[in-house]
Amino acid sequence: MPYLAIDTSSAVAVAIVADDGATLCAASALEPRRHAELLAIMISDVLRDSGVARDELVGVVAGTGPAPFTGLRVGLVTAQTLGFALGVPVHGVSSLDALAAGAVRALALPTGVEVLATGDARRREVYWARYRVSETPGIELLAGPGVARAAALVANGMAAGAVVVGRGAAGYAAELPSAEGAPLDPDPADLVRLALSRLAAGEVLPTEPLYLRRPDVHGTPAQP
């Protein structure tokens, strides 16, 4: 019973994931200005390459950010549209949750270690959330999500003692040195793994986006 995972919080990333958490096929492209152009093509490609037909999908899981407005909206609208067209549920999982879970796996982090997951918020800021590695469900949210300058995270102690991961920190190595070998972007398959675990625990997974601030471009109010 395969799921489609979509994340557009950073890279444009999609995956077909089995209900045991195994990745059947995945693709990603770091094209932050081309989400709308690339996403539909990439979904078609991973369905074809995995041998999964659209009507075999049993659900869609989308990253809810935090992320800039335009790219995140493309991913969530696409997920909701596919879910409606196929008659399958759509679930939302924080992209920073998926990033932290991927770091735990990639770095083989033991229980009790804390992780600061970061995304690129532009405007010289980062999206962030801090987690503790736990046995069940794997990561525990301690603080965030939020948006701040890297120096502010250091000043308030949010980075102290944590394994720092993510593309947000990559641009501020002096303040937020990233762990070697840590992922930069969420693996969309981790969205499905987290969603399955949370659904099994009876959680509801809404798809409301985490923008955390207003869009970069605002319309000009009409003059009376």
Protein backbone atom coordinates (compact mmCIF):
# COMPACT_ATOMS: atom_id res chain seq x y z
CA MET A 1 0.00 0.00 0.00
CA PRO A 2 2.10 2.93 -1.27
CA TYR A 3 2.00 6.55 -0.23
CA LEU A 4 3.08 9.65 -2.12
CA ALA A 5 5.22 12.11 -0.16
CA ILE A 6 5.73 15.73 -1.22
CA ASP A 7 7.95 18.37 0.33
CA THR A 8 8.58 21.82 -1.12
CA SER A 9 9.95 23.53 1.98
CA SER A 10 13.45 23.63 0.49
CA ALA A 11 14.19 21.39 -2.46
CA VAL A 12 11.37 20.11 -4.63
CA ALA A 13 11.23 16.54 -3.31
CA VAL A 14 8.88 13.62 -3.85
CA ALA A 15 8.89 9.93 -2.97
CA ILE A 16 6.78 6.80 -3.26
CA VAL A 17 6.92 5.02 0.09
CA ALA A 18 5.56 1.62 1.10
CA ASP A 19 3.47 1.28 4.26
CA ASP A 20 6.45 -0.35 5.99
CA GLY A 21 8.44 2.87 5.47
CA ALA A 22 10.60 1.59 2.61
CA THR A 23 11.36 4.08 -0.14
CA LEU A 24 10.28 2.69 -3.51
CA CYS A 25 11.42 5.67 -5.57
CA ALA A 26 12.44 9.25 -4.83
CA ALA A 27 13.52 12.38 -6.65
CA SER A 28 14.56 15.88 -5.64
CA ALA A 29 15.81 19.07 -7.24
CA LEU A 30 17.19 22.15 -5.52
CA GLU A 31 15.24 24.63 -7.66
CA PRO A 32 13.56 27.00 -5.19
CA ARG A 33 12.08 29.18 -7.93
CA ARG A 34 10.63 26.31 -10.02
CA HIS A 35 8.37 24.41 -7.63
CA ALA A 36 5.27 24.74 -9.79
CA GLU A 37 7.14 23.85 -12.97
CA LEU A 38 8.87 20.75 -11.63
CA LEU A 39 6.55 19.15 -9.10
CA ALA A 40 3.95 17.55 -11.39
CA ILE A 41 6.67 16.18 -13.67
CA MET A 42 8.57 14.69 -10.74
CA ILE A 43 5.44 13.04 -9.34
CA SER A 44 4.76 11.42 -12.71
CA ASP A 45 8.39 10.27 -12.92
CA VAL A 46 8.48 8.59 -9.49
CA LEU A 47 5.14 6.88 -10.11
CA ARG A 48 6.42 5.51 -13.42
CA ASP A 49 9.82 4.50 -12.10
CA SER A 50 8.36 2.80 -9.02
CA GLY A 51 5.78 0.91 -11.08
CA VAL A 52 2.99 2.35 -8.92
CA ALA A 53 -0.21 3.52 -10.60
CA ARG A 54 -1.96 6.59 -9.24
CA ASP A 55 -5.01 4.59 -8.25
CA GLU A 56 -2.80 2.33 -6.11
CA LEU A 57 -1.87 5.19 -3.79
CA VAL A 58 -3.55 4.97 -0.39
CA GLY A 59 -2.59 8.40 0.87
CA VAL A 60 -0.56 11.57 0.34
CA VAL A 61 1.72 13.09 2.97
CA ALA A 62 2.90 16.67 2.55
CA GLY A 63 5.51 18.72 4.34
CA THR A 64 3.83 21.67 6.05
CA GLY A 65 6.98 23.75 6.39
CA PRO A 66 7.92 26.17 7.78
CA ALA A 67 8.97 27.64 4.47
CA PRO A 68 8.49 30.70 2.27
CA PHE A 69 4.93 31.19 1.04
CA THR A 70 5.06 30.38 -2.67
CA GLY A 71 6.99 27.12 -2.68
CA LEU A 72 5.17 25.68 0.31
CA ARG A 73 1.78 26.58 -1.15
CA VAL A 74 2.60 24.73 -4.38
CA GLY A 75 3.35 21.52 -2.52
CA LEU A 76 0.32 21.63 -0.24
CA VAL A 77 -2.14 22.57 -2.99
CA THR A 78 -0.78 19.78 -5.19
CA ALA A 79 -1.12 17.26 -2.34
CA GLN A 80 -4.69 18.33 -1.58
CA THR A 81 -5.67 18.27 -5.25
CA LEU A 82 -4.28 14.77 -5.74
CA GLY A 83 -5.94 13.54 -2.57
CA PHE A 84 -9.30 14.88 -3.72
CA ALA A 85 -8.92 13.48 -7.25
CA LEU A 86 -7.87 10.03 -6.01
CA GLY A 87 -10.22 9.90 -3.04
CA VAL A 88 -7.41 9.27 -0.55
CA PRO A 89 -6.52 11.05 2.71
CA VAL A 90 -3.93 13.83 2.81
CA HIS A 91 -1.80 14.20 5.93
CA GLY A 92 0.57 16.98 6.98
CA VAL A 93 3.88 16.67 8.82
CA SER A 94 6.29 19.46 9.70
CA SER A 95 9.22 19.55 7.31
CA LEU A 96 11.55 20.30 10.23
CA ASP A 97 10.27 17.16 11.98
CA ALA A 98 11.23 15.15 8.89
CA LEU A 99 14.63 16.85 8.73
CA ALA A 100 15.33 16.01 12.37
CA ALA A 101 14.20 12.40 11.89
CA GLY A 102 16.46 12.09 8.87
CA ALA A 103 19.40 13.42 10.86
CA VAL A 104 18.79 10.88 13.62
CA ARG A 105 18.94 8.10 11.05
CA ALA A 106 21.84 9.45 8.98
CA LEU A 107 24.03 10.22 11.98
CA ALA A 108 22.88 7.26 14.12
CA LEU A 109 22.18 9.62 17.00
CA PRO A 110 21.50 7.93 20.36
CA THR A 111 18.55 8.55 22.65
CA GLY A 112 18.81 11.79 24.60
CA VAL A 113 20.86 13.74 22.04
CA GLU A 114 19.27 17.05 21.02
CA VAL A 115 18.97 18.26 17.43
CA LEU A 116 18.51 21.78 16.07
CA ALA A 117 16.87 21.48 12.65
CA THR A 118 17.09 24.55 10.43
CA GLY A 119 15.71 25.75 7.12
CA ASP A 120 16.55 28.74 4.94
CA ALA A 121 14.06 31.51 5.74
CA ARG A 122 15.86 34.11 3.59
CA ARG A 123 16.02 37.72 4.85
CA ARG A 124 19.15 36.61 6.77
CA GLU A 125 17.04 34.37 8.99
CA VAL A 126 16.53 30.66 9.56
CA TYR A 127 13.54 28.52 10.38
CA TRP A 128 14.30 26.35 13.38
CA ALA A 129 13.02 23.78 15.83
CA ARG A 130 14.83 21.87 18.58
CA TYR A 131 14.24 18.17 19.29
CA ARG A 132 15.38 15.39 21.60
CA VAL A 133 16.02 11.90 20.26
CA SER A 134 13.62 9.49 21.96
CA GLU A 135 12.90 5.79 21.69
CA THR A 136 9.25 6.40 20.84
CA PRO A 137 8.29 8.10 18.56
CA GLY A 138 11.92 8.82 17.63
CA ILE A 139 11.99 12.60 18.03
CA GLU A 140 10.41 14.83 20.66
CA LEU A 141 9.82 18.52 19.94
CA LEU A 142 11.36 20.69 22.66
CA ALA A 143 11.03 24.20 21.22
CA GLY A 144 9.81 25.92 18.07
CA PRO A 145 9.15 26.03 15.26
CA GLY A 146 10.23 29.61 14.88
CA VAL A 147 12.10 32.03 12.65
CA ALA A 148 15.13 34.02 13.81
CA ARG A 149 18.58 35.23 12.90
CA ALA A 150 21.35 32.72 13.49
CA ALA A 151 23.03 35.01 16.01
CA ALA A 152 19.79 35.25 18.00
CA LEU A 153 19.56 31.45 18.24
CA VAL A 154 23.07 31.36 19.63
CA ALA A 155 22.40 34.23 22.02
CA ASN A 156 19.31 32.60 23.52
CA GLY A 157 21.07 29.25 23.91
CA MET A 158 18.88 27.41 21.43
CA ALA A 159 21.91 25.97 19.61
CA ALA A 160 23.90 25.09 22.73
CA GLY A 161 24.71 21.41 22.99
CA ALA A 162 22.62 20.47 19.97
CA VAL A 163 23.55 18.67 16.77
CA VAL A 164 22.84 21.31 14.12
CA VAL A 165 21.43 20.19 10.76
CA GLY A 166 19.75 21.70 7.74
CA ARG A 167 20.18 24.18 4.93
CA GLY A 168 19.37 27.12 7.18
CA ALA A 169 22.53 26.62 9.19
CA ALA A 170 24.65 26.02 6.09
CA GLY A 171 24.78 29.74 5.34
CA TYR A 172 25.84 30.66 8.89
CA ALA A 173 28.65 28.25 9.64
CA ALA A 174 30.33 30.61 12.10
CA GLU A 175 27.25 30.82 14.32
CA LEU A 176 25.66 27.44 13.57
CA PRO A 177 28.29 24.85 12.62
CA SER A 178 26.51 21.89 11.03
CA ALA A 179 27.25 18.29 11.94
CA GLU A 180 29.39 16.54 9.33
CA GLY A 181 27.31 14.24 7.16
CA ALA A 182 24.03 15.76 8.33
CA PRO A 183 21.20 16.19 5.80
CA LEU A 184 20.52 19.63 4.39
CA ASP A 185 16.92 19.04 3.32
CA PRO A 186 14.05 16.86 4.52
CA ASP A 187 13.76 13.40 2.97
CA PRO A 188 10.11 13.17 1.87
CA ALA A 189 10.08 9.49 2.86
CA ASP A 190 10.54 10.59 6.48
CA LEU A 191 7.26 12.48 6.19
CA VAL A 192 5.50 9.18 5.54
CA ARG A 193 7.36 7.33 8.29
CA LEU A 194 6.44 9.99 10.82
CA ALA A 195 2.85 10.16 9.56
CA LEU A 196 2.36 6.39 9.87
CA SER A 197 3.74 6.41 13.41
CA ARG A 198 1.54 9.31 14.45
CA LEU A 199 -1.58 7.95 12.79
CA ALA A 200 -1.04 4.65 14.60
CA ALA A 201 -0.95 6.63 17.85
CA GLY A 202 -4.31 8.20 17.00
CA GLU A 203 -3.04 11.65 16.04
CA VAL A 204 -4.75 13.90 13.51
CA LEU A 205 -2.33 15.37 10.97
CA PRO A 206 -3.72 18.61 9.51
CA THR A 207 -2.22 20.20 6.42
CA GLU A 208 -2.26 23.82 7.54
CA PRO A 209 0.95 25.47 6.33
CA LEU A 210 3.56 26.84 8.73
CA TYR A 211 4.46 30.17 7.13
CA LEU A 212 5.52 31.86 10.43
CA ARG A 213 5.53 35.25 8.73
CA ARG A 214 3.79 37.16 5.96
CA PRO A 215 4.62 36.54 2.28
CA ASP A 216 7.59 38.38 0.78
CA VAL A 217 5.30 40.23 -1.67
CA HIS A 218 2.07 41.94 -0.66
CA GLY A 219 -0.60 43.44 -2.83
CA THR A 220 -1.13 47.19 -2.71
CA PRO A 221 -4.46 48.06 -1.10
CA ALA A 222 -6.93 49.72 -3.44
CA GLN A 223 -7.34 53.43 -2.90
CA PRO A 224 -10.84 54.65 -2.02
